[in-house]
PDB file of N, CA and C in Angstrom:
ATOM      1  N   MET A   1      60.870 168.409-162.042  1.00  0.00           N
ATOM      2  CA  MET A   1      59.745 167.537-161.367  1.00  0.00           C
ATOM      3  C   MET A   1      60.113 167.800-159.799  1.00  0.00           C
ATOM      4  N   LYS A   2      59.016 168.420-158.796  1.00  0.00           N
ATOM      5  CA  LYS A   2      59.728 168.271-157.413  1.00  0.00           C
ATOM      6  C   LYS A   2      59.524 166.696-157.155  1.00  0.00           C
ATOM      7  N   GLY A   3      58.626 166.125-157.306  1.00  0.00           N
ATOM      8  CA  GLY A   3      58.347 165.096-156.970  1.00  0.00           C
ATOM      9  C   GLY A   3      58.400 163.895-157.147  1.00  0.00           C
ATOM     10  N   LYS A   4      57.994 162.383-157.014  1.00  0.00           N
ATOM     11  CA  LYS A   4      57.938 161.448-158.222  1.00  0.00           C
ATOM     12  C   LYS A   4      57.524 160.221-157.168  1.00  0.00           C
ATOM     13  N   ILE A   5      56.625 159.559-157.944  1.00  0.00           N
ATOM     14  CA  ILE A   5      55.987 158.460-157.699  1.00  0.00           C
ATOM     15  C   ILE A   5      56.549 157.216-158.327  1.00  0.00           C
ATOM     16  N   GLU A   6      56.762 156.055-157.726  1.00  0.00           N
ATOM     17  CA  GLU A   6      57.148 154.959-158.397  1.00  0.00           C
ATOM     18  C   GLU A   6      55.969 154.483-158.137  1.00  0.00           C
ATOM     19  N   PHE A   7      55.946 153.442-159.192  1.00  0.00           N
ATOM     20  CA  PHE A   7      54.753 152.577-159.286  1.00  0.00           C
ATOM     21  C   PHE A   7      55.674 150.897-159.579  1.00  0.00           C
ATOM     22  N   ARG A   8      54.788 150.079-159.348  1.00  0.00           N
ATOM     23  CA  ARG A   8      54.899 148.754-159.656  1.00  0.00           C
ATOM     24  C   ARG A   8      53.710 147.492-159.722  1.00  0.00           C
ATOM     25  N   TYR A   9      53.959 147.361-160.705  1.00  0.00           N
ATOM     26  CA  TYR A   9      52.484 146.348-160.512  1.00  0.00           C
ATOM     27  C   TYR A   9      53.008 145.057-160.006  1.00  0.00           C
ATOM     28  N   ASP A  10      52.216 144.404-159.297  1.00  0.00           N
ATOM     29  CA  ASP A  10      52.263 143.036-158.635  1.00  0.00           C
ATOM     30  C   ASP A  10      51.321 142.259-159.671  1.00  0.00           C
ATOM     31  N   GLY A  11      51.860 141.381-160.613  1.00  0.00           N
ATOM     32  CA  GLY A  11      51.446 140.509-161.255  1.00  0.00           C
ATOM     33  C   GLY A  11      50.303 139.393-160.376  1.00  0.00           C
ATOM     34  N   ALA A  12      51.631 138.956-159.461  1.00  0.00           N
ATOM     35  CA  ALA A  12      50.778 137.361-158.585  1.00  0.00           C
ATOM     36  C   ALA A  12      49.219 138.056-157.538  1.00  0.00           C
ATOM     37  N   ASN A  13      49.461 138.959-157.693  1.00  0.00           N
ATOM     38  CA  ASN A  13      47.967 139.996-156.646  1.00  0.00           C
ATOM     39  C   ASN A  13      47.795 140.890-157.325  1.00  0.00           C
ATOM     40  N   ASP A  14      47.638 141.030-158.632  1.00  0.00           N
ATOM     41  CA  ASP A  14      46.883 142.002-159.308  1.00  0.00           C
ATOM     42  C   ASP A  14      46.692 143.232-158.608  1.00  0.00           C
ATOM     43  N   LEU A  15      47.580 143.751-158.078  1.00  0.00           N
ATOM     44  CA  LEU A  15      47.344 145.315-157.315  1.00  0.00           C
ATOM     45  C   LEU A  15      48.857 145.974-157.864  1.00  0.00           C
ATOM     46  N   VAL A  16      49.019 147.552-157.118  1.00  0.00           N
ATOM     47  CA  VAL A  16      49.804 148.328-157.661  1.00  0.00           C
ATOM     48  C   VAL A  16      50.391 148.796-156.402  1.00  0.00           C
ATOM     49  N   ILE A  17      51.945 148.695-156.189  1.00  0.00           N
ATOM     50  CA  ILE A  17      52.254 149.340-155.442  1.00  0.00           C
ATOM     51  C   ILE A  17      52.700 150.752-155.614  1.00  0.00           C
ATOM     52  N   ALA A  18      52.698 151.866-154.488  1.00  0.00           N
ATOM     53  CA  ALA A  18      52.948 153.125-155.399  1.00  0.00           C
ATOM     54  C   ALA A  18      53.434 153.703-154.106  1.00  0.00           C
ATOM     55  N   THR A  19      54.566 154.248-154.556  1.00  0.00           N
ATOM     56  CA  THR A  19      55.921 154.507-153.700  1.00  0.00           C
ATOM     57  C   THR A  19      56.112 156.120-153.923  1.00  0.00           C
ATOM     58  N   PRO A  20      55.214 157.175-153.382  1.00  0.00           N
ATOM     59  CA  PRO A  20      55.123 158.527-153.283  1.00  0.00           C
ATOM     60  C   PRO A  20      56.457 159.078-152.977  1.00  0.00           C
ATOM     61  N   ARG A  21      57.417 159.633-153.438  1.00  0.00           N
ATOM     62  CA  ARG A  21      58.342 160.160-152.845  1.00  0.00           C
ATOM     63  C   ARG A  21      58.559 161.970-153.072  1.00  0.00           C
ATOM     64  N   TRP A  22      57.919 162.457-152.223  1.00  0.00           N
ATOM     65  CA  TRP A  22      57.335 163.803-152.493  1.00  0.00           C
ATOM     66  C   TRP A  22      57.623 164.481-150.940  1.00  0.00           C
ATOM     67  N   VAL A  23      57.487 165.844-151.205  1.00  0.00           N
ATOM     68  CA  VAL A  23      57.025 166.876-150.070  1.00  0.00           C
ATOM     69  C   VAL A  23      56.166 167.690-150.364  1.00  0.00           C
ATOM     70  N   VAL A  24      55.048 167.549-149.966  1.00  0.00           N
ATOM     71  CA  VAL A  24      53.565 168.695-150.903  1.00  0.00           C
ATOM     72  C   VAL A  24      53.565 169.733-150.157  1.00  0.00           C
ATOM     73  N   GLU A  25      53.695 170.658-150.462  1.00  0.00           N
ATOM     74  CA  GLU A  25      53.462 171.933-150.015  1.00  0.00           C
ATOM     75  C   GLU A  25      52.877 173.429-150.790  1.00  0.00           C
ATOM     76  N   THR A  26      52.411 173.138-151.743  1.00  0.00           N
ATOM     77  CA  THR A  26      52.051 174.281-152.445  1.00  0.00           C
ATOM     78  C   THR A  26      50.514 173.994-153.422  1.00  0.00           C
ATOM     79  N   GLU A  27      50.105 174.276-154.137  1.00  0.00           N
ATOM     80  CA  GLU A  27      48.805 173.834-154.931  1.00  0.00           C
ATOM     81  C   GLU A  27      49.025 173.416-155.995  1.00  0.00           C
ATOM     82  N   ALA A  28      50.611 173.643-156.713  1.00  0.00           N
ATOM     83  CA  ALA A  28      50.867 173.201-158.180  1.00  0.00           C
ATOM     84  C   ALA A  28      51.603 171.802-157.247  1.00  0.00           C
ATOM     85  N   ASP A  29      52.102 171.503-156.382  1.00  0.00           N
ATOM     86  CA  ASP A  29      52.569 170.317-155.872  1.00  0.00           C
ATOM     87  C   ASP A  29      51.395 169.175-155.619  1.00  0.00           C
ATOM     88  N   VAL A  30      50.708 169.484-155.310  1.00  0.00           N
ATOM     89  CA  VAL A  30      49.356 168.372-155.245  1.00  0.00           C
ATOM     90  C   VAL A  30      48.549 168.569-156.699  1.00  0.00           C
ATOM     91  N   ALA A  31      49.044 169.341-157.628  1.00  0.00           N
ATOM     92  CA  ALA A  31      48.552 169.066-158.902  1.00  0.00           C
ATOM     93  C   ALA A  31      49.263 168.342-159.687  1.00  0.00           C
ATOM     94  N   GLU A  32      50.634 168.337-159.516  1.00  0.00           N
ATOM     95  CA  GLU A  32      51.750 167.414-159.921  1.00  0.00           C
ATOM     96  C   GLU A  32      51.437 165.831-159.653  1.00  0.00           C
ATOM     97  N   TRP A  33      51.229 165.944-157.934  1.00  0.00           N
ATOM     98  CA  TRP A  33      51.379 164.707-157.323  1.00  0.00           C
ATOM     99  C   TRP A  33      50.166 163.898-158.089  1.00  0.00           C
ATOM    100  N   HIS A  34      49.219 164.492-158.103  1.00  0.00           N
ATOM    101  CA  HIS A  34      47.663 163.875-158.531  1.00  0.00           C
ATOM    102  C   HIS A  34      47.560 163.667-159.905  1.00  0.00           C
ATOM    103  N   ASP A  35      48.193 164.507-160.967  1.00  0.00           N
ATOM    104  CA  ASP A  35      48.550 163.553-162.381  1.00  0.00           C
ATOM    105  C   ASP A  35      49.655 163.301-162.314  1.00  0.00           C
ATOM    106  N   GLN A  36      50.343 162.941-161.645  1.00  0.00           N
ATOM    107  CA  GLN A  36      51.238 161.376-161.917  1.00  0.00           C
ATOM    108  C   GLN A  36      50.494 160.501-161.263  1.00  0.00           C
ATOM    109  N   TYR A  37      49.583 160.348-160.684  1.00  0.00           N
ATOM    110  CA  TYR A  37      48.770 158.994-160.169  1.00  0.00           C
ATOM    111  C   TYR A  37      47.979 158.839-161.326  1.00  0.00           C
ATOM    112  N   VAL A  38      47.393 159.929-161.779  1.00  0.00           N
ATOM    113  CA  VAL A  38      46.435 159.832-163.117  1.00  0.00           C
ATOM    114  C   VAL A  38      46.635 159.171-163.897  1.00  0.00           C
ATOM    115  N   SER A  39      48.041 159.705-164.604  1.00  0.00           N
ATOM    116  CA  SER A  39      48.931 159.181-165.260  1.00  0.00           C
ATOM    117  C   SER A  39      48.887 157.887-165.582  1.00  0.00           C
ATOM    118  N   TYR A  40      49.431 157.093-164.132  1.00  0.00           N
ATOM    119  CA  TYR A  40      50.198 155.697-164.167  1.00  0.00           C
ATOM    120  C   TYR A  40      48.514 154.815-164.257  1.00  0.00           C
ATOM    121  N   MET A  41      47.624 155.558-163.842  1.00  0.00           N
ATOM    122  CA  MET A  41      46.192 154.845-163.077  1.00  0.00           C
ATOM    123  C   MET A  41      45.315 154.262-164.147  1.00  0.00           C
ATOM    124  N   GLN A  42      45.176 155.448-165.279  1.00  0.00           N
ATOM    125  CA  GLN A  42      44.194 155.404-166.181  1.00  0.00           C
ATOM    126  C   GLN A  42      44.614 154.708-167.353  1.00  0.00           C
ATOM    127  N   SER A  43      46.037 153.957-167.260  1.00  0.00           N
ATOM    128  CA  SER A  43      46.348 152.972-168.221  1.00  0.00           C
ATOM    129  C   SER A  43      45.513 151.630-167.716  1.00  0.00           C
ATOM    130  N   TYR A  44      45.251 151.319-166.734  1.00  0.00           N
ATOM    131  CA  TYR A  44      44.285 149.908-166.576  1.00  0.00           C
ATOM    132  C   TYR A  44      42.944 149.647-167.044  1.00  0.00           C
ATOM    133  N   GLY A  45      42.185 150.936-167.277  1.00  0.00           N
ATOM    134  CA  GLY A  45      41.090 151.204-167.494  1.00  0.00           C
ATOM    135  C   GLY A  45      40.006 149.866-166.546  1.00  0.00           C
ATOM    136  N   ARG A  46      40.733 150.237-165.281  1.00  0.00           N
ATOM    137  CA  ARG A  46      39.587 149.501-164.308  1.00  0.00           C
ATOM    138  C   ARG A  46      40.374 150.330-163.196  1.00  0.00           C
ATOM    139  N   LYS A  47      39.409 150.241-162.111  1.00  0.00           N
ATOM    140  CA  LYS A  47      39.487 150.593-160.832  1.00  0.00           C
ATOM    141  C   LYS A  47      40.669 149.019-160.477  1.00  0.00           C
ATOM    142  N   MET A  48      41.979 149.809-159.512  1.00  0.00           N
ATOM    143  CA  MET A  48      42.772 148.835-158.947  1.00  0.00           C
ATOM    144  C   MET A  48      43.154 148.626-157.427  1.00  0.00           C
ATOM    145  N   ASP A  49      43.576 147.652-156.891  1.00  0.00           N
ATOM    146  CA  ASP A  49      43.661 147.560-155.714  1.00  0.00           C
ATOM    147  C   ASP A  49      45.092 147.876-155.489  1.00  0.00           C
ATOM    148  N   MET A  50      45.746 149.163-154.344  1.00  0.00           N
ATOM    149  CA  MET A  50      46.451 149.717-154.274  1.00  0.00           C
ATOM    150  C   MET A  50      47.344 149.402-152.795  1.00  0.00           C
ATOM    151  N   VAL A  51      48.898 149.365-152.940  1.00  0.00           N
ATOM    152  CA  VAL A  51      49.349 149.549-151.579  1.00  0.00           C
ATOM    153  C   VAL A  51      50.106 150.760-151.455  1.00  0.00           C
ATOM    154  N   ILE A  52      50.015 151.474-150.753  1.00  0.00           N
ATOM    155  CA  ILE A  52      50.939 153.084-150.944  1.00  0.00           C
ATOM    156  C   ILE A  52      51.917 152.874-149.654  1.00  0.00           C
ATOM    157  N   VAL A  53      52.875 153.248-150.128  1.00  0.00           N
ATOM    158  CA  VAL A  53      54.306 152.814-149.290  1.00  0.00           C
ATOM    159  C   VAL A  53      54.573 154.583-149.094  1.00  0.00           C
ATOM    160  N   LEU A  54      54.916 154.835-147.731  1.00  0.00           N
ATOM    161  CA  LEU A  54      54.827 156.241-147.406  1.00  0.00           C
ATOM    162  C   LEU A  54      56.070 157.105-146.660  1.00  0.00           C
ATOM    163  N   ASP A  55      57.075 156.334-146.630  1.00  0.00           N
ATOM    164  CA  ASP A  55      58.404 156.343-146.129  1.00  0.00           C
ATOM    165  C   ASP A  55      58.931 157.866-146.708  1.00  0.00           C
ATOM    166  N   ASP A  56      58.868 157.934-147.681  1.00  0.00           N
ATOM    167  CA  ASP A  56      59.125 159.092-148.097  1.00  0.00           C
ATOM    168  C   ASP A  56      58.007 159.974-148.713  1.00  0.00           C
ATOM    169  N   PHE A  57      56.873 160.305-148.168  1.00  0.00           N
ATOM    170  CA  PHE A  57      55.764 161.541-148.321  1.00  0.00           C
ATOM    171  C   PHE A  57      55.863 162.092-147.274  1.00  0.00           C
ATOM    172  N   GLU A  58      55.730 163.593-147.300  1.00  0.00           N
ATOM    173  CA  GLU A  58      55.137 164.331-146.222  1.00  0.00           C
ATOM    174  C   GLU A  58      54.220 165.574-147.070  1.00  0.00           C
ATOM    175  N   ILE A  59      53.238 165.720-145.783  1.00  0.00           N
ATOM    176  CA  ILE A  59      52.219 167.220-146.379  1.00  0.00           C
ATOM    177  C   ILE A  59      52.431 168.133-145.335  1.00  0.00           C
ATOM    178  N   LYS A  60      52.641 169.214-145.747  1.00  0.00           N
ATOM    179  CA  LYS A  60      52.578 170.069-145.139  1.00  0.00           C
ATOM    180  C   LYS A  60      51.358 170.631-144.366  1.00  0.00           C
ATOM    181  N   ALA A  61      51.658 171.361-143.505  1.00  0.00           N
ATOM    182  CA  ALA A  61      49.785 171.796-142.940  1.00  0.00           C
ATOM    183  C   ALA A  61      49.046 172.497-143.565  1.00  0.00           C
ATOM    184  N   VAL A  62      49.862 173.695-144.458  1.00  0.00           N
ATOM    185  CA  VAL A  62      49.346 174.856-145.002  1.00  0.00           C
ATOM    186  C   VAL A  62      48.249 173.919-146.682  1.00  0.00           C
ATOM    187  N   ILE A  63      48.759 173.157-146.817  1.00  0.00           N
ATOM    188  CA  ILE A  63      47.980 172.411-147.878  1.00  0.00           C
ATOM    189  C   ILE A  63      47.097 171.279-147.964  1.00  0.00           C
ATOM    190  N   GLY A  64      47.178 170.644-146.319  1.00  0.00           N
ATOM    191  CA  GLY A  64      46.321 169.246-146.203  1.00  0.00           C
ATOM    192  C   GLY A  64      45.067 169.246-146.981  1.00  0.00           C
ATOM    193  N   VAL A  65      44.370 170.290-146.714  1.00  0.00           N
ATOM    194  CA  VAL A  65      43.320 170.426-147.133  1.00  0.00           C
ATOM    195  C   VAL A  65      43.019 169.888-148.623  1.00  0.00           C
ATOM    196  N   ALA A  66      43.505 170.759-149.523  1.00  0.00           N
ATOM    197  CA  ALA A  66      43.593 170.634-150.858  1.00  0.00           C
ATOM    198  C   ALA A  66      44.449 169.279-151.048  1.00  0.00           C
ATOM    199  N   TRP A  67      44.927 168.695-150.655  1.00  0.00           N
ATOM    200  CA  TRP A  67      45.581 167.466-151.135  1.00  0.00           C
ATOM    201  C   TRP A  67      44.230 166.341-150.412  1.00  0.00           C
ATOM    202  N   GLY A  68      43.587 166.739-149.671  1.00  0.00           N
ATOM    203  CA  GLY A  68      42.659 165.305-149.191  1.00  0.00           C
ATOM    204  C   GLY A  68      41.924 165.670-150.185  1.00  0.00           C
ATOM    205  N   ALA A  69      41.521 166.478-150.894  1.00  0.00           N
ATOM    206  CA  ALA A  69      40.497 166.640-151.804  1.00  0.00           C
ATOM    207  C   ALA A  69      40.782 165.820-153.060  1.00  0.00           C
ATOM    208  N   ALA A  70      42.175 166.713-153.258  1.00  0.00           N
ATOM    209  CA  ALA A  70      42.909 165.366-154.498  1.00  0.00           C
ATOM    210  C   ALA A  70      43.004 164.366-154.492  1.00  0.00           C
ATOM    211  N   ARG A  71      43.381 163.605-153.105  1.00  0.00           N
ATOM    212  CA  ARG A  71      43.509 162.115-152.925  1.00  0.00           C
ATOM    213  C   ARG A  71      41.905 161.736-153.075  1.00  0.00           C
ATOM    214  N   ALA A  72      41.020 162.482-152.392  1.00  0.00           N
ATOM    215  CA  ALA A  72      39.526 161.491-152.527  1.00  0.00           C
ATOM    216  C   ALA A  72      39.591 161.221-154.223  1.00  0.00           C
ATOM    217  N   LYS A  73      39.979 162.085-154.976  1.00  0.00           N
ATOM    218  CA  LYS A  73      39.403 162.030-156.378  1.00  0.00           C
ATOM    219  C   LYS A  73      40.330 161.136-156.976  1.00  0.00           C
ATOM    220  N   ILE A  74      41.625 160.566-156.708  1.00  0.00           N
ATOM    221  CA  ILE A  74      42.100 159.426-156.803  1.00  0.00           C
ATOM    222  C   ILE A  74      41.599 157.971-156.984  1.00  0.00           C
ATOM    223  N   HIS A  75      41.175 157.929-155.343  1.00  0.00           N
ATOM    224  CA  HIS A  75      40.571 156.799-155.185  1.00  0.00           C
ATOM    225  C   HIS A  75      39.540 156.547-155.566  1.00  0.00           C
ATOM    226  N   GLN A  76      38.183 157.530-155.281  1.00  0.00           N
ATOM    227  CA  GLN A  76      37.088 157.235-156.031  1.00  0.00           C
ATOM    228  C   GLN A  76      37.003 157.026-157.607  1.00  0.00           C
ATOM    229  N   GLN A  77      38.030 157.653-158.265  1.00  0.00           N
ATOM    230  CA  GLN A  77      38.173 157.318-159.879  1.00  0.00           C
ATOM    231  C   GLN A  77      39.079 155.832-160.265  1.00  0.00           C
ATOM    232  N   PHE A  78      40.058 155.750-159.132  1.00  0.00           N
ATOM    233  CA  PHE A  78      40.951 154.617-159.738  1.00  0.00           C
ATOM    234  C   PHE A  78      41.033 153.514-158.757  1.00  0.00           C
ATOM    235  N   THR A  79      40.876 153.466-157.637  1.00  0.00           N
ATOM    236  CA  THR A  79      41.050 152.163-156.934  1.00  0.00           C
ATOM    237  C   THR A  79      39.853 151.885-156.118  1.00  0.00           C
ATOM    238  N   ARG A  80      39.917 150.405-155.764  1.00  0.00           N
ATOM    239  CA  ARG A  80      38.911 149.817-155.260  1.00  0.00           C
ATOM    240  C   ARG A  80      39.474 149.476-153.918  1.00  0.00           C
ATOM    241  N   PHE A  81      40.261 148.425-153.346  1.00  0.00           N
ATOM    242  CA  PHE A  81      40.906 148.735-151.823  1.00  0.00           C
ATOM    243  C   PHE A  81      42.163 148.927-151.951  1.00  0.00           C
ATOM    244  N   ASN A  82      42.571 149.722-150.856  1.00  0.00           N
ATOM    245  CA  ASN A  82      43.688 150.231-150.897  1.00  0.00           C
ATOM    246  C   ASN A  82      44.422 150.454-149.524  1.00  0.00           C
ATOM    247  N   TYR A  83      45.473 150.037-148.984  1.00  0.00           N
ATOM    248  CA  TYR A  83      46.477 150.109-147.599  1.00  0.00           C
ATOM    249  C   TYR A  83      47.435 151.164-147.641  1.00  0.00           C
ATOM    250  N   ARG A  84      47.835 152.061-146.728  1.00  0.00           N
ATOM    251  CA  ARG A  84      48.878 152.455-146.599  1.00  0.00           C
ATOM    252  C   ARG A  84      50.021 152.073-145.456  1.00  0.00           C
ATOM    253  N   VAL A  85      50.862 152.065-146.063  1.00  0.00           N
ATOM    254  CA  VAL A  85      52.335 151.873-145.148  1.00  0.00           C
ATOM    255  C   VAL A  85      52.742 152.768-144.679  1.00  0.00           C
ATOM    256  N   HIS A  86      53.728 152.921-143.406  1.00  0.00           N
ATOM    257  CA  HIS A  86      54.713 153.622-143.087  1.00  0.00           C
ATOM    258  C   HIS A  86      54.417 154.958-143.298  1.00  0.00           C
ATOM    259  N   ALA A  87      53.152 155.180-142.477  1.00  0.00           N
ATOM    260  CA  ALA A  87      52.739 157.020-142.532  1.00  0.00           C
ATOM    261  C   ALA A  87      53.155 157.639-141.476  1.00  0.00           C
ATOM    262  N   THR A  88      53.526 158.736-141.711  1.00  0.00           N
ATOM    263  CA  THR A  88      53.578 159.849-140.292  1.00  0.00           C
ATOM    264  C   THR A  88      52.852 159.697-139.673  1.00  0.00           C
ATOM    265  N   ASN A  89      52.707 160.912-138.352  1.00  0.00           N
ATOM    266  CA  ASN A  89      51.362 160.955-137.858  1.00  0.00           C
ATOM    267  C   ASN A  89      50.431 161.831-138.503  1.00  0.00           C
ATOM    268  N   ARG A  90      51.434 163.124-139.377  1.00  0.00           N
ATOM    269  CA  ARG A  90      50.275 164.240-140.057  1.00  0.00           C
ATOM    270  C   ARG A  90      50.112 163.628-141.307  1.00  0.00           C
ATOM    271  N   VAL A  91      50.733 162.365-142.063  1.00  0.00           N
ATOM    272  CA  VAL A  91      50.253 161.989-143.050  1.00  0.00           C
ATOM    273  C   VAL A  91      48.739 161.335-142.849  1.00  0.00           C
ATOM    274  N   LYS A  92      48.970 160.559-141.652  1.00  0.00           N
ATOM    275  CA  LYS A  92      47.525 159.550-141.248  1.00  0.00           C
ATOM    276  C   LYS A  92      46.448 160.881-141.078  1.00  0.00           C
ATOM    277  N   LEU A  93      46.401 161.563-140.256  1.00  0.00           N
ATOM    278  CA  LEU A  93      46.015 162.755-140.013  1.00  0.00           C
ATOM    279  C   LEU A  93      45.224 163.258-141.351  1.00  0.00           C
ATOM    280  N   PHE A  94      45.772 163.597-141.934  1.00  0.00           N
ATOM    281  CA  PHE A  94      45.180 163.977-143.367  1.00  0.00           C
ATOM    282  C   PHE A  94      44.473 162.969-144.104  1.00  0.00           C
ATOM    283  N   VAL A  95      45.296 161.861-144.253  1.00  0.00           N
ATOM    284  CA  VAL A  95      44.316 161.047-144.727  1.00  0.00           C
ATOM    285  C   VAL A  95      42.949 160.812-144.028  1.00  0.00           C
ATOM    286  N   ASN A  96      42.700 160.388-142.706  1.00  0.00           N
ATOM    287  CA  ASN A  96      41.806 160.008-142.054  1.00  0.00           C
ATOM    288  C   ASN A  96      41.031 160.921-141.791  1.00  0.00           C
ATOM    289  N   THR A  97      41.574 162.289-142.118  1.00  0.00           N
ATOM    290  CA  THR A  97      40.413 163.800-142.535  1.00  0.00           C
ATOM    291  C   THR A  97      39.759 163.618-143.657  1.00  0.00           C
ATOM    292  N   SER A  98      40.495 163.097-144.864  1.00  0.00           N
ATOM    293  CA  SER A  98      40.341 163.241-146.150  1.00  0.00           C
ATOM    294  C   SER A  98      38.909 161.840-146.216  1.00  0.00           C
ATOM    295  N   GLY A  99      39.556 160.900-145.751  1.00  0.00           N
ATOM    296  CA  GLY A  99      38.571 159.532-145.843  1.00  0.00           C
ATOM    297  C   GLY A  99      37.181 160.259-144.930  1.00  0.00           C
ATOM    298  N   ALA A 100      37.070 160.526-144.003  1.00  0.00           N
ATOM    299  CA  ALA A 100      35.835 161.089-143.156  1.00  0.00           C
ATOM    300  C   ALA A 100      35.232 161.952-144.280  1.00  0.00           C
ATOM    301  N   ARG A 101      35.773 162.984-144.619  1.00  0.00           N
ATOM    302  CA  ARG A 101      35.317 163.920-145.784  1.00  0.00           C
ATOM    303  C   ARG A 101      34.424 163.216-146.906  1.00  0.00           C
ATOM    304  N   TYR A 102      35.362 162.857-147.654  1.00  0.00           N
ATOM    305  CA  TYR A 102      34.903 162.186-148.904  1.00  0.00           C
ATOM    306  C   TYR A 102      34.734 160.704-148.833  1.00  0.00           C
ATOM    307  N   ASN A 103      34.257 159.753-147.699  1.00  0.00           N
ATOM    308  CA  ASN A 103      34.068 158.590-147.527  1.00  0.00           C
ATOM    309  C   ASN A 103      35.088 157.786-148.174  1.00  0.00           C
ATOM    310  N   VAL A 104      36.638 157.834-148.502  1.00  0.00           N
ATOM    311  CA  VAL A 104      37.663 156.960-149.191  1.00  0.00           C
ATOM    312  C   VAL A 104      38.232 156.365-148.202  1.00  0.00           C
ATOM    313  N   ALA A 105      38.861 155.288-148.625  1.00  0.00           N
ATOM    314  CA  ALA A 105      39.543 154.317-147.834  1.00  0.00           C
ATOM    315  C   ALA A 105      40.641 154.879-146.807  1.00  0.00           C
ATOM    316  N   THR A 106      40.690 154.470-145.771  1.00  0.00           N
ATOM    317  CA  THR A 106      41.958 154.765-144.899  1.00  0.00           C
ATOM    318  C   THR A 106      42.669 153.809-144.611  1.00  0.00           C
ATOM    319  N   GLU A 107      42.416 152.472-144.446  1.00  0.00           N
ATOM    320  CA  GLU A 107      43.308 151.295-144.053  1.00  0.00           C
ATOM    321  C   GLU A 107      45.256 151.442-144.010  1.00  0.00           C
ATOM    322  N   GLU A 108      45.383 151.448-142.867  1.00  0.00           N
ATOM    323  CA  GLU A 108      46.921 151.261-142.781  1.00  0.00           C
ATOM    324  C   GLU A 108      47.474 149.281-142.255  1.00  0.00           C
ATOM    325  N   ALA A 109      48.226 149.476-143.068  1.00  0.00           N
ATOM    326  CA  ALA A 109      49.151 148.430-142.576  1.00  0.00           C
ATOM    327  C   ALA A 109      50.603 148.109-142.191  1.00  0.00           C
ATOM    328  N   ALA A 110      51.103 147.972-141.566  1.00  0.00           N
ATOM    329  CA  ALA A 110      52.617 147.670-140.512  1.00  0.00           C
ATOM    330  C   ALA A 110      53.435 147.456-141.540  1.00  0.00           C
ATOM    331  N   THR A 111      53.136 146.717-142.762  1.00  0.00           N
ATOM    332  CA  THR A 111      54.133 146.259-143.682  1.00  0.00           C
ATOM    333  C   THR A 111      53.515 146.142-145.054  1.00  0.00           C
ATOM    334  N   ILE A 112      54.341 146.237-146.425  1.00  0.00           N
ATOM    335  CA  ILE A 112      53.502 145.848-147.709  1.00  0.00           C
ATOM    336  C   ILE A 112      52.645 144.249-147.621  1.00  0.00           C
ATOM    337  N   GLU A 113      53.897 143.670-146.919  1.00  0.00           N
ATOM    338  CA  GLU A 113      52.918 141.901-147.099  1.00  0.00           C
ATOM    339  C   GLU A 113      51.354 142.168-146.303  1.00  0.00           C
ATOM    340  N   ASP A 114      51.609 142.765-144.699  1.00  0.00           N
ATOM    341  CA  ASP A 114      50.543 143.005-144.350  1.00  0.00           C
ATOM    342  C   ASP A 114      49.288 143.867-145.109  1.00  0.00           C
ATOM    343  N   ALA A 115      49.742 144.950-145.394  1.00  0.00           N
ATOM    344  CA  ALA A 115      48.737 145.297-146.720  1.00  0.00           C
ATOM    345  C   ALA A 115      48.331 144.147-147.736  1.00  0.00           C
ATOM    346  N   ILE A 116      48.542 143.553-148.302  1.00  0.00           N
ATOM    347  CA  ILE A 116      48.384 143.070-149.476  1.00  0.00           C
ATOM    348  C   ILE A 116      47.477 141.687-148.883  1.00  0.00           C
ATOM    349  N   GLU A 117      48.110 141.125-147.453  1.00  0.00           N
ATOM    350  CA  GLU A 117      46.804 140.235-146.886  1.00  0.00           C
ATOM    351  C   GLU A 117      45.626 140.886-146.922  1.00  0.00           C
ATOM    352  N   GLY A 118      45.463 142.517-146.296  1.00  0.00           N
ATOM    353  CA  GLY A 118      44.587 142.801-146.205  1.00  0.00           C
ATOM    354  C   GLY A 118      43.335 143.338-147.298  1.00  0.00           C
ATOM    355  N   ILE A 119      44.191 143.311-148.624  1.00  0.00           N
ATOM    356  CA  ILE A 119      43.602 143.601-149.896  1.00  0.00           C
ATOM    357  C   ILE A 119      42.864 142.465-150.205  1.00  0.00           C
ATOM    358  N   LEU A 120      43.666 140.955-150.073  1.00  0.00           N
ATOM    359  CA  LEU A 120      43.139 139.785-150.298  1.00  0.00           C
ATOM    360  C   LEU A 120      42.062 139.513-149.909  1.00  0.00           C
ATOM    361  N   ALA A 121      42.035 139.572-148.504  1.00  0.00           N
ATOM    362  CA  ALA A 121      40.972 139.556-147.493  1.00  0.00           C
ATOM    363  C   ALA A 121      40.070 140.438-147.904  1.00  0.00           C
ATOM    364  N   ALA A 122      40.185 141.433-147.690  1.00  0.00           N
ATOM    365  CA  ALA A 122      38.746 142.319-148.471  1.00  0.00           C
ATOM    366  C   ALA A 122      38.109 141.580-149.722  1.00  0.00           C
ATOM    367  N   ARG A 123      39.006 141.372-150.484  1.00  0.00           N
ATOM    368  CA  ARG A 123      38.573 141.045-151.883  1.00  0.00           C
ATOM    369  C   ARG A 123      37.643 139.462-151.627  1.00  0.00           C
ATOM    370  N   ARG A 124      38.126 138.671-150.612  1.00  0.00           N
ATOM    371  CA  ARG A 124      37.174 137.115-150.454  1.00  0.00           C
ATOM    372  C   ARG A 124      35.840 138.101-149.551  1.00  0.00           C
ATOM    373  N   ALA A 125      35.646 138.794-148.741  1.00  0.00           N
ATOM    374  CA  ALA A 125      34.513 139.142-147.910  1.00  0.00           C
ATOM    375  C   ALA A 125      33.798 139.933-148.966  1.00  0.00           C
ATOM    376  N   ALA A 126      34.353 140.338-149.857  1.00  0.00           N
ATOM    377  CA  ALA A 126      33.362 141.111-151.081  1.00  0.00           C
ATOM    378  C   ALA A 126      33.005 140.154-152.226  1.00  0.00           C
ATOM    379  N   GLY A 127      33.559 138.745-151.750  1.00  0.00           N
ATOM    380  CA  GLY A 127      33.089 137.873-152.774  1.00  0.00           C
ATOM    381  C   GLY A 127      34.131 138.026-154.541  1.00  0.00           C
ATOM    382  N   LEU A 128      35.234 138.483-154.059  1.00  0.00           N
ATOM    383  CA  LEU A 128      35.889 138.828-155.675  1.00  0.00           C
ATOM    384  C   LEU A 128      37.256 137.738-155.483  1.00  0.00           C
ATOM    385  N   LYS A 129      37.867 137.922-156.570  1.00  0.00           N
ATOM    386  CA  LYS A 129      39.155 136.845-156.663  1.00  0.00           C
ATOM    387  C   LYS A 129      40.054 137.587-155.766  1.00  0.00           C
TER     388      LYS A 129
END
């Protein structure tokens, strides 16, 4: 396995904190990265709110378009509100491009705590718990 995503469920806030440790370079990497998300997220049987911590995540430019499409599918199928934390400029570029192309979330926060607050505020604004 080339990369790994660490998932942690935060029961107090009913959300998932995902920490991908990846350098995505090839179509095979995109597929494996995608499958790790699907394997974990489908266990909830509903869309989940998520904080994605990107300290150890990199996307090579050559694979950015394919990764952006796979990212969009994950968000469309498995997430409701989500925030990214600590993305590099390249990752931000591909996240924002994917968001614009596929109309999926691109929110960022400085810290995990700020991301959780953002999710809680989005829930309140939407009239959700």
